[in-house]
Protein backbone atom coordinates (compact mmCIF):
# COMPACT_ATOMS: atom_id res chain seq x y z
CA MET A 1 -16.12 7.89 39.71
CA SER A 2 -12.45 8.43 38.87
CA ASN A 3 -11.43 6.14 41.76
CA PHE A 4 -13.89 3.53 40.55
CA LEU A 5 -12.53 3.61 36.99
CA SER A 6 -8.93 3.53 38.22
CA TYR A 7 -9.52 -0.09 39.27
CA PHE A 8 -9.85 -1.05 35.62
CA LYS A 9 -6.47 0.52 34.78
CA ASP A 10 -4.61 -0.73 37.84
CA VAL A 11 -1.25 -2.26 36.86
CA ASP A 12 -1.27 -4.72 39.77
CA ILE A 13 -4.68 -6.06 38.75
CA VAL A 14 -3.47 -6.33 35.16
CA LYS A 15 -0.57 -8.48 36.39
CA ILE A 16 -2.95 -10.69 38.41
CA GLU A 17 -5.21 -11.25 35.41
CA LEU A 18 -2.23 -11.99 33.15
CA LYS A 19 -0.91 -14.54 35.64
CA LYS A 20 -4.28 -16.29 35.64
CA ILE A 21 -4.39 -16.29 31.83
CA PHE A 22 -0.87 -17.77 31.56
CA SER A 23 -1.73 -20.46 34.09
CA LEU A 24 -4.91 -21.40 32.24
CA SER A 25 -3.17 -21.34 28.86
CA GLU A 26 -0.86 -24.14 29.98
CA MET A 27 -3.89 -26.45 30.12
CA ILE A 28 -4.61 -25.87 26.43
CA LYS A 29 -2.53 -27.86 23.95
CA LYS A 30 -3.28 -25.81 20.84
CA LYS A 31 -3.43 -22.24 19.66
CA ILE A 32 -6.77 -20.57 20.32
CA TYR A 33 -8.15 -17.58 18.45
CA PHE A 34 -10.37 -14.92 19.98
CA MET A 35 -11.97 -12.25 17.83
CA GLU A 36 -12.89 -8.82 19.12
CA VAL A 37 -15.83 -7.57 17.08
CA CYS A 38 -15.83 -3.97 18.29
CA GLY A 39 -13.67 -1.27 16.77
CA THR A 40 -13.14 0.44 20.11
CA HIS A 41 -11.83 -2.84 21.54
CA THR A 42 -9.46 -3.16 18.58
CA MET A 43 -8.06 0.31 19.22
CA GLN A 44 -7.71 -0.29 22.98
CA ILE A 45 -6.08 -3.71 22.51
CA SER A 46 -3.51 -2.11 20.21
CA LYS A 47 -3.05 0.95 22.43
CA TYR A 48 -2.30 -1.09 25.56
CA GLY A 49 -0.21 -3.72 23.75
CA ILE A 50 -2.48 -6.52 24.90
CA ARG A 51 -1.91 -8.60 21.79
CA LYS A 52 1.81 -8.73 22.58
CA ILE A 53 1.65 -9.66 26.27
CA LEU A 54 -0.61 -12.71 25.98
CA PRO A 55 0.67 -16.30 25.99
CA GLN A 56 1.96 -17.52 22.63
CA ASN A 57 -0.99 -19.89 22.17
CA ILE A 58 -3.64 -17.18 22.60
CA LYS A 59 -4.13 -14.98 19.54
CA LEU A 60 -6.45 -12.02 19.06
CA ILE A 61 -8.03 -11.34 15.66
CA SER A 62 -9.77 -8.08 14.78
CA GLY A 63 -13.28 -8.35 13.33
CA PRO A 64 -15.81 -6.10 11.59
CA GLY A 65 -16.87 -3.94 14.52
CA CYS A 66 -16.47 -0.53 12.92
CA PRO A 67 -19.66 0.85 11.28
CA VAL A 68 -17.71 3.09 8.92
CA CYS A 69 -15.50 0.19 7.84
CA VAL A 70 -18.35 -2.18 6.96
CA THR A 71 -20.24 0.49 4.99
CA PRO A 72 -19.88 -0.50 1.31
CA LEU A 73 -18.51 1.75 -1.42
CA GLU A 74 -21.94 2.15 -2.97
CA PHE A 75 -23.21 4.07 0.07
CA ILE A 76 -20.71 6.85 -0.67
CA ASP A 77 -21.61 6.64 -4.37
CA LYS A 78 -25.28 7.17 -3.54
CA ALA A 79 -24.49 10.29 -1.54
CA ILE A 80 -22.39 11.68 -4.38
CA TYR A 81 -25.16 10.83 -6.87
CA ILE A 82 -27.51 13.10 -4.91
CA LEU A 83 -24.96 15.90 -4.93
CA ASP A 84 -24.33 15.53 -8.67
CA ASN A 85 -27.95 15.38 -9.77
CA PHE A 86 -29.89 17.71 -7.48
CA GLU A 87 -29.57 21.35 -6.51
CA ASN A 88 -29.96 22.89 -3.08
CA VAL A 89 -28.68 19.81 -1.28
CA THR A 90 -26.77 19.78 1.99
CA ILE A 91 -25.17 16.49 3.02
CA LEU A 92 -24.69 15.88 6.75
CA THR A 93 -22.33 13.19 7.98
CA PHE A 94 -20.37 12.04 11.01
CA GLY A 95 -16.64 12.73 10.78
CA ASP A 96 -15.12 9.34 9.94
CA LEU A 97 -17.28 8.85 6.85
CA TYR A 98 -16.05 12.15 5.40
CA ARG A 99 -12.79 10.70 4.06
CA VAL A 100 -13.98 7.23 3.00
CA VAL A 101 -13.47 6.74 -0.73
CA GLY A 102 -16.32 5.54 -2.95
CA SER A 103 -15.72 4.06 -6.38
CA LYS A 104 -14.77 7.46 -7.84
CA SER A 105 -14.63 10.09 -5.14
CA SER A 106 -15.12 10.90 -1.46
CA LEU A 107 -17.17 13.44 0.45
CA GLU A 108 -13.94 15.26 1.26
CA LYS A 109 -13.11 15.62 -2.44
CA GLU A 110 -16.65 16.71 -3.27
CA LYS A 111 -16.45 19.34 -0.54
CA SER A 112 -13.30 20.71 -2.20
CA LYS A 113 -15.36 21.17 -5.39
CA GLY A 114 -17.75 23.44 -3.55
CA LYS A 115 -20.47 20.93 -2.59
CA ASP A 116 -22.30 21.64 0.67
CA ILE A 117 -21.15 18.86 3.01
CA ARG A 118 -21.09 19.34 6.75
CA ILE A 119 -19.79 17.22 9.61
CA LEU A 120 -22.13 16.65 12.56
CA TYR A 121 -21.29 15.81 16.16
CA SER A 122 -24.82 14.93 17.27
CA PRO A 123 -28.04 13.88 15.48
CA ASP A 124 -29.80 16.72 17.32
CA GLU A 125 -28.17 19.15 14.89
CA ILE A 126 -30.17 17.72 11.96
CA LEU A 127 -33.45 19.31 13.03
CA SER A 128 -31.98 22.76 13.70
CA LEU A 129 -30.11 22.83 10.38
CA ALA A 130 -33.26 21.84 8.49
CA LYS A 131 -35.30 24.59 10.13
CA GLU A 132 -32.56 27.16 9.55
CA ASN A 133 -32.33 26.20 5.85
CA PRO A 134 -35.93 25.62 4.67
CA ASP A 135 -34.97 26.13 1.02
CA ARG A 136 -32.45 23.27 1.04
CA ASN A 137 -32.79 19.48 1.04
CA ILE A 138 -30.98 18.27 4.16
CA VAL A 139 -29.69 14.71 3.68
CA PHE A 140 -28.22 12.85 6.65
CA LEU A 141 -25.93 9.88 5.94
CA SER A 142 -27.11 7.51 8.64
CA ILE A 143 -24.72 4.70 9.55
CA GLY A 144 -24.00 2.70 12.67
CA PHE A 145 -25.26 -0.33 14.57
CA GLU A 146 -28.02 -0.58 17.16
CA THR A 147 -26.06 1.90 19.28
CA THR A 148 -26.97 4.87 17.06
CA LEU A 149 -30.39 3.76 15.78
CA PRO A 150 -32.38 4.96 18.83
CA SER A 151 -31.10 8.55 18.56
CA ILE A 152 -31.70 8.58 14.79
CA GLY A 153 -35.18 7.18 15.39
CA CYS A 154 -35.94 9.97 17.88
CA VAL A 155 -34.89 12.61 15.33
CA ILE A 156 -37.11 11.05 12.67
CA LYS A 157 -40.08 10.92 15.04
CA GLU A 158 -39.57 14.55 16.02
CA ALA A 159 -39.26 15.62 12.38
CA LYS A 160 -42.64 14.01 11.74
CA VAL A 161 -44.22 15.69 14.77
CA GLN A 162 -42.88 19.09 13.67
CA ASN A 163 -43.91 18.42 10.06
CA ILE A 164 -40.44 19.21 8.72
CA LYS A 165 -40.44 18.49 5.00
CA ASN A 166 -36.82 19.01 3.98
CA ILE A 167 -35.04 16.28 6.01
CA PHE A 168 -34.06 12.99 4.36
CA PHE A 169 -32.11 10.01 5.63
CA LEU A 170 -29.85 7.85 3.48
CA MET A 171 -30.04 4.68 5.52
CA GLY A 172 -26.87 2.67 6.02
CA ASN A 173 -27.49 1.39 9.56
CA LYS A 174 -26.86 -2.26 10.29
CA PHE A 175 -28.16 -4.84 12.77
CA PHE A 176 -25.10 -6.65 14.08
CA LEU A 177 -26.14 -10.16 15.11
CA PRO A 178 -26.92 -11.68 11.67
CA ALA A 179 -23.48 -10.57 10.48
CA LEU A 180 -21.88 -12.21 13.52
CA GLU A 181 -23.36 -15.54 12.47
CA VAL A 182 -22.11 -15.08 8.91
CA LEU A 183 -18.69 -14.33 10.35
CA ILE A 184 -18.70 -17.62 12.28
CA LEU A 185 -19.47 -19.53 9.10
CA LEU A 186 -16.92 -17.61 7.01
CA SER A 187 -14.17 -18.16 9.55
CA ARG A 188 -14.34 -21.91 9.02
CA ASN A 189 -13.00 -21.36 5.51
CA PHE A 190 -9.91 -19.37 6.41
CA ILE A 191 -8.98 -19.73 10.08
CA SER A 192 -7.61 -23.27 9.70
CA SER A 193 -5.58 -22.49 6.57
CA ASN A 194 -4.33 -19.00 7.45
CA PHE A 195 -3.60 -19.41 11.14
CA ASN A 196 -2.89 -23.15 11.49
CA ALA A 197 -5.84 -23.52 13.84
CA ASP A 198 -7.83 -26.67 14.45
CA SER A 199 -11.25 -25.10 14.11
CA THR A 200 -13.16 -21.87 13.69
CA ILE A 201 -12.94 -18.83 15.97
CA ASP A 202 -12.60 -20.14 19.53
CA GLY A 203 -14.25 -17.22 21.31
CA PHE A 204 -15.64 -13.72 20.89
CA ILE A 205 -14.92 -10.52 22.78
CA LEU A 206 -18.31 -8.88 22.34
CA PRO A 207 -19.05 -5.14 22.03
CA GLY A 208 -19.62 -3.01 25.08
CA HIS A 209 -21.51 -0.03 23.68
CA LEU A 210 -23.77 -2.03 21.37
CA SER A 211 -24.54 -4.49 24.16
CA THR A 212 -25.97 -1.72 26.32
CA ILE A 213 -28.79 -1.58 23.77
CA ILE A 214 -29.35 -5.23 22.82
CA GLY A 215 -28.37 -6.81 26.16
CA GLU A 216 -26.63 -10.01 27.19
CA ARG A 217 -29.66 -12.15 26.29
CA SER A 218 -29.10 -11.46 22.58
CA TYR A 219 -25.89 -13.52 22.44
CA HIS A 220 -26.79 -16.86 24.00
CA TRP A 221 -27.34 -18.50 20.63
CA ILE A 222 -23.59 -18.31 19.94
CA ALA A 223 -22.84 -20.93 22.57
CA GLN A 224 -26.06 -22.89 22.12
CA LYS A 225 -25.80 -23.25 18.35
CA TYR A 226 -22.04 -23.14 17.71
CA LYS A 227 -20.51 -24.06 21.10
CA ILE A 228 -18.37 -20.93 21.01
CA PRO A 229 -17.84 -18.99 24.28
CA SER A 230 -18.21 -15.22 24.31
CA VAL A 231 -17.71 -12.38 26.76
CA ILE A 232 -19.08 -8.82 26.86
CA THR A 233 -16.34 -6.54 28.15
CA GLY A 234 -15.58 -2.93 28.84
CA PHE A 235 -12.69 -1.03 27.30
CA GLU A 236 -10.01 -0.61 29.95
CA PRO A 237 -7.01 -2.99 30.22
CA VAL A 238 -8.46 -4.87 33.18
CA ASP A 239 -11.84 -5.19 31.41
CA ILE A 240 -10.28 -6.74 28.33
CA LEU A 241 -7.94 -9.07 30.21
CA GLN A 242 -10.73 -10.23 32.50
CA GLY A 243 -12.77 -10.96 29.38
CA ILE A 244 -9.94 -13.00 27.88
CA ARG A 245 -9.49 -14.88 31.16
CA LEU A 246 -13.20 -15.73 31.24
CA LEU A 247 -13.01 -17.04 27.66
CA VAL A 248 -10.04 -19.24 28.48
CA GLU A 249 -11.79 -20.54 31.60
CA MET A 250 -14.78 -21.61 29.49
CA ILE A 251 -12.51 -23.36 26.99
CA VAL A 252 -10.62 -25.19 29.75
CA SER A 253 -13.87 -26.26 31.45
CA LYS A 254 -15.42 -27.14 28.04
CA ASN A 255 -18.50 -25.21 29.11
CA PRO A 256 -19.15 -22.48 26.50
CA GLY A 257 -21.58 -19.72 27.37
CA VAL A 258 -21.96 -15.95 27.54
CA LYS A 259 -20.31 -13.99 30.34
CA ASN A 260 -20.99 -10.33 31.06
CA GLN A 261 -17.81 -8.76 32.42
CA TYR A 262 -19.29 -5.31 31.69
CA SER A 263 -22.26 -5.72 34.02
CA ARG A 264 -21.67 -2.25 35.46
CA VAL A 265 -23.12 -0.95 32.17
CA VAL A 266 -24.74 -3.85 30.26
CA SER A 267 -27.91 -5.51 31.56
CA TYR A 268 -29.39 -8.87 30.65
CA ASP A 269 -32.23 -7.45 28.55
CA GLY A 270 -30.53 -4.25 27.37
CA ASN A 271 -32.21 -0.89 26.98
CA LEU A 272 -35.88 -1.69 26.48
CA TYR A 273 -36.85 1.90 25.70
CA ALA A 274 -34.17 2.20 23.01
CA LYS A 275 -35.21 -1.13 21.48
CA GLU A 276 -38.82 0.03 21.37
CA ILE A 277 -37.82 3.15 19.43
CA ILE A 278 -35.92 1.02 16.93
CA LYS A 279 -38.93 -1.24 16.53
CA GLU A 280 -41.28 1.72 16.11
CA VAL A 281 -39.31 3.55 13.40
CA PHE A 282 -37.39 0.91 11.47
CA ASP A 283 -38.05 -2.29 9.55
CA ILE A 284 -35.37 -4.89 8.86
CA THR A 285 -34.21 -5.82 5.38
CA GLU A 286 -31.18 -7.32 3.67
CA GLY A 287 -28.04 -5.23 3.60
CA LYS A 288 -24.58 -5.26 2.08
CA TRP A 289 -21.53 -5.36 4.33
CA ARG A 290 -18.04 -4.65 3.11
CA GLY A 291 -16.17 -7.94 3.34
CA MET A 292 -19.25 -10.11 3.84
CA GLY A 293 -21.55 -9.19 0.97
CA LEU A 294 -25.34 -9.19 1.12
CA ILE A 295 -26.73 -10.49 4.43
CA PRO A 296 -30.45 -11.09 5.09
CA ALA A 297 -32.22 -9.30 7.94
CA THR A 298 -29.35 -6.99 8.79
CA ALA A 299 -30.13 -3.51 7.41
CA ALA A 300 -32.45 -0.85 8.80
CA LYS A 301 -35.03 0.81 6.58
CA LEU A 302 -37.73 3.29 7.45
CA LYS A 303 -41.20 2.01 8.16
CA LYS A 304 -43.95 3.03 5.75
CA GLU A 305 -45.25 5.78 8.02
CA PHE A 306 -41.80 7.43 7.93
CA GLU A 307 -40.89 6.81 4.28
CA ASP A 308 -41.34 10.51 3.39
CA PHE A 309 -37.93 10.92 5.04
CA ASP A 310 -36.30 8.21 2.88
CA ALA A 311 -33.56 9.75 0.70
CA GLU A 312 -33.51 6.80 -1.71
CA LYS A 313 -37.18 7.37 -2.54
CA ARG A 314 -36.99 11.17 -2.58
CA PHE A 315 -34.04 11.27 -5.00
CA ASN A 316 -34.84 8.07 -6.91
CA ILE A 317 -31.33 6.73 -6.39
CA PRO A 318 -30.35 3.92 -8.78
CA ASN A 319 -28.71 0.69 -7.65
CA PHE A 320 -24.94 0.67 -7.33
CA ASN A 321 -22.91 -2.53 -7.17
CA ASN A 322 -19.20 -1.89 -6.95
CA GLU A 323 -16.11 -3.94 -6.18
CA GLU A 324 -14.87 -3.67 -2.61
CA ASN A 325 -11.14 -3.95 -3.24
CA LEU A 326 -10.52 -0.95 -5.46
CA PHE A 327 -6.96 0.38 -5.54
CA GLY A 328 -5.61 -2.98 -4.30
CA CYS A 329 -7.00 -2.33 -0.81
CA ARG A 330 -7.68 -5.52 1.18
CA CYS A 331 -9.85 -3.90 3.83
CA ASN A 332 -12.61 -6.40 3.05
CA GLU A 333 -10.33 -9.25 4.18
CA VAL A 334 -9.11 -7.39 7.26
CA LEU A 335 -12.71 -6.90 8.38
CA ILE A 336 -13.44 -10.61 8.59
CA GLY A 337 -10.10 -11.48 10.17
CA LYS A 338 -8.78 -13.26 7.10
CA ILE A 339 -5.62 -11.18 7.16
CA THR A 340 -4.06 -8.71 9.57
CA PRO A 341 -3.61 -5.11 8.44
CA ILE A 342 0.13 -5.64 8.13
CA GLU A 343 -0.47 -8.33 5.51
CA CYS A 344 -2.13 -5.85 3.14
CA PRO A 345 0.50 -4.82 0.56
CA LEU A 346 -0.63 -1.19 0.77
CA PHE A 347 -0.30 -0.88 4.55
CA ASP A 348 2.22 1.78 5.61
CA LYS A 349 3.53 1.98 2.05
CA VAL A 350 0.91 3.91 0.13
CA CYS A 351 -1.92 3.62 2.68
CA ASN A 352 -1.67 5.62 5.89
CA PRO A 353 -3.89 8.03 7.86
CA GLU A 354 -2.81 10.94 5.68
CA ASN A 355 -3.47 9.02 2.46
CA PRO A 356 -6.03 6.29 3.29
CA LYS A 357 -6.98 3.85 0.55
CA GLY A 358 -9.59 1.96 2.55
CA ALA A 359 -12.14 2.57 5.28
CA CYS A 360 -10.14 0.50 7.80
CA MET A 361 -7.43 3.18 7.72
CA VAL A 362 -9.85 6.14 7.64
CA SER A 363 -11.93 5.26 10.67
CA THR A 364 -10.69 6.05 14.16
CA GLU A 365 -11.97 2.58 15.09
CA GLY A 366 -10.56 0.77 12.05
CA ALA A 367 -8.14 -2.11 12.48
CA CYS A 368 -5.64 -0.62 10.02
CA ALA A 369 -5.71 2.71 11.85
CA ALA A 370 -5.12 0.90 15.15
CA TYR A 371 -2.22 -1.15 13.80
CA TYR A 372 -0.69 1.91 12.12
CA LYS A 373 -0.82 3.97 15.29
CA TYR A 374 0.28 1.35 17.80
CA GLU A 375 1.52 -1.89 16.20
CA ARG A 376 3.80 -1.08 13.28
CA ILE A 377 6.92 -1.92 15.27
C-alpha cells in the first residue's frame, strides 16, 4: 500500500503534471478560477504550495467545504441554551467545534465554568457514555456532511433498538449539493468584480471523502445545467494536480463534464448502503449555512420515528437568528470565496489559532487556518 500511495507523492510525476498544465494554460487567453470545495483539499493545497506553482492565469479559490466553518453561530447558542437551562446535561462534541464562538460564548468557555462538555473521537462513544450515565441527558452536537451522516444514523438506530432514553441529537448536519448550486449563483455576483474574471467559477475540485458516499453520478448536473467542468480528486499532490490538469483540458476542449480522478476510492453510484441509512433515519429540510444563509433542502432532521432523540424537541429550544460577522470577522465571505483569508482585517493581527475569532481559523480544515499555517509568507 505504501508503494502504491508513493506514486501520488512522486516529485517526478508532479513535474510531469505541472508541465502539462503549463502547456494547456498557454491555450487559454484569460484567467480561470477553480474552487476547491473541500476543507481537506484547501489544507493540502496550502501545505504543498500548489497555489504558488501554477501558471499565472490559473487561480485557486477556497470554498465552503468545512462542516465546522459553515455551522452558523446559532448552533453553538442552542447548545449553550441547553447547558444554561437544564440540569444533568452532558454535551458531546467533535474537537473542532469546541472552540468555535457563538454570539456570546463557546463550548470551551462554558467548560471552564464547570459545564460537562466532552470531546468525542467516534460516534460509537455516544452509546457507551449514555449507558454509563443513565441519570444524565447526553446531548450530541451532530455536524458534518453526508460523510458523517451514515455513522450518526447507525448510532440513532442502535439507540432505538436498545431503548436508550437519555440520548439526544442536536442536528446540524448538511446535505452539500444544494449549497454548491447556491455557490455557483452567488459567485456570479463577486467573481467578476473581485478577481477581474470574465465569468463565474470556471471549474470545481470536488470533495474526495464526501464523494465516496454520494458518488460521481451526483455531480453531472453541474456541467449539464451550468456548463462548468468539475473533477473529483484525492488529496496527495499528484491527485490535486491531475485534477487541475483535467479541468484545464475540459476548458480547452470546451467540453465540460465530470471526471473522477479518485476512482480508486470513489465509485459512480457511491456507497449505496450508507445512502440507504441516511434515507432511513433522516428527512431533508431547509438549513442555515454561514456565509450563504438559509438554503432549501439542505439540512438533515430526524424522521418522525426517531424524533424522541431530537434535542430541539426535548429541550424546547427557541429560535436563534444571529449575525455571522461578529467581532469584525469576515469568515462568511471567506467561505464563499469572496475574499481570501489574508484580506480579512483580523487575519494574523488579532485572529490566529491561539485566539480565533471565526470558525475558519478554529477548524483544522478551515481556509484561514490553512493560510495561517502555510501561506502567510
